[in-house]
Structure formats: C-alpha cells, structure tokens
Amino acid sequence: MKKEILSTEELLEKKMQNLYMNRLRLAKSTNYSISHPCYSNTSIDSTWEDYTNFKEWLLNNDYQNNYQYKLNIDKDILQWNNTSKIYSPTTCLLIPEKLNKALIRVKPDFSITKKENGVLNVNMYGKLVYIGTFTDDEEYQYNYKKYKCSWINSLIQYSQSRMSSEHYELLLNSNFYKLVNKYSRG
C-alpha cells in the first residue's frame, strides 16, 4: 500500500481537524472523563462545536505558522483554580506541547526522586540533578516547587517564539504565571 503524501495545506487541515475532534472527545466523552478526572468538569463552548469557528480561531492565533512546534490547546492556564473548565476562544491558549506536558505531567521530562535521607533529586530529560538535602517536609516541598516553577518558567520563555504574541501576553498576565513566578523567584 502506497503512503499518501499530503501537501502543506492538506497536512495543516488534517492537524486542525485532529485538534478539533480531540477537543470534542475531551469535553464530551463520559468514558474519557472517568479515566481522566481532570476532564470531568470540562465542556466546550457552543461556538467551538462548529469546526469552521474552531478553525478560524486556530488561524487567527497563528497556528499555520507554528503547528510544527506541536501546539496543544490548553484550557487550564487562563482558568487556573476553576473547578469547571470550558474549551472556548476566550479561555484557551495555543501552547507548545513541551510546556503543556510540563503542566499535565504526561511523559514528564521532569520528575522528582526523594530518598529516605531527605535528598531531593530531579530527573531532567533523563539526567538526575541533585537539588539539595532537606530535613523537614516543608523545606523539601518548598524547594521542589521552586525548582519545578523555575523549570516551567524556562519553558514559558522557550515558548515565546512558538506562540502567537497575543497568547503569549495572555499567558504572562495569567494567575498561573504569577504563581510560577512567585515560586521560581523564591
């Protein structure tokens, strides 16, 4: 069987359709929300139930110039600490997959290793990094949060050239970013 070769326009259209179908699945599938509780109180705005509106949003936010960076649609950054979340043009951002994975911990490039003697090691992209030795749990948790937020902050900087300028500004003005900055600065 011969593999179909898609033009750039066809590839772009296919990627946008896949994003659309995934949003519908994440927001509407009861079975999926059972196995992934973070989607249990998630819905999709009626405007995005129409693919044309969804596609227009993607294109207005520079998807066609950045899709090679594996952009993901994030519903959490602008709705930080909300118990129910909605996929909509005003509540979502297009962010690089690398940043999104750091937030949702799928196939993490960052994981924590705690040893009995209070040693905090962090696995960064497959390399073990020693952070320090801490005697009490509060100090341990604080240093873990500080290190992780510093790492997320570096991913946010990495994301700047891979996102629309409007979405990057929204990210920088979000409560999520304020929290990351608070911990990463110590």
Foldseek 3Di string as FASTA:
>chain_A
DDDDDDDLVRVLVVVLVVLLVVLCCLQPPPVVCVVVVVSVQEHEDPLSVDSVSSVVLCVVWPCSPQCVLVWHKDQDQQVPPDPHTYHDSVRIFTWGPLLVCLVVVDVDQWDWDADPQQWIWIRHNNDTHTQGRDDDPVVSVLSVLLVSLLVSVVSLVVGCVNTRVVRNVSNCPTPNVVSSVVSNVD
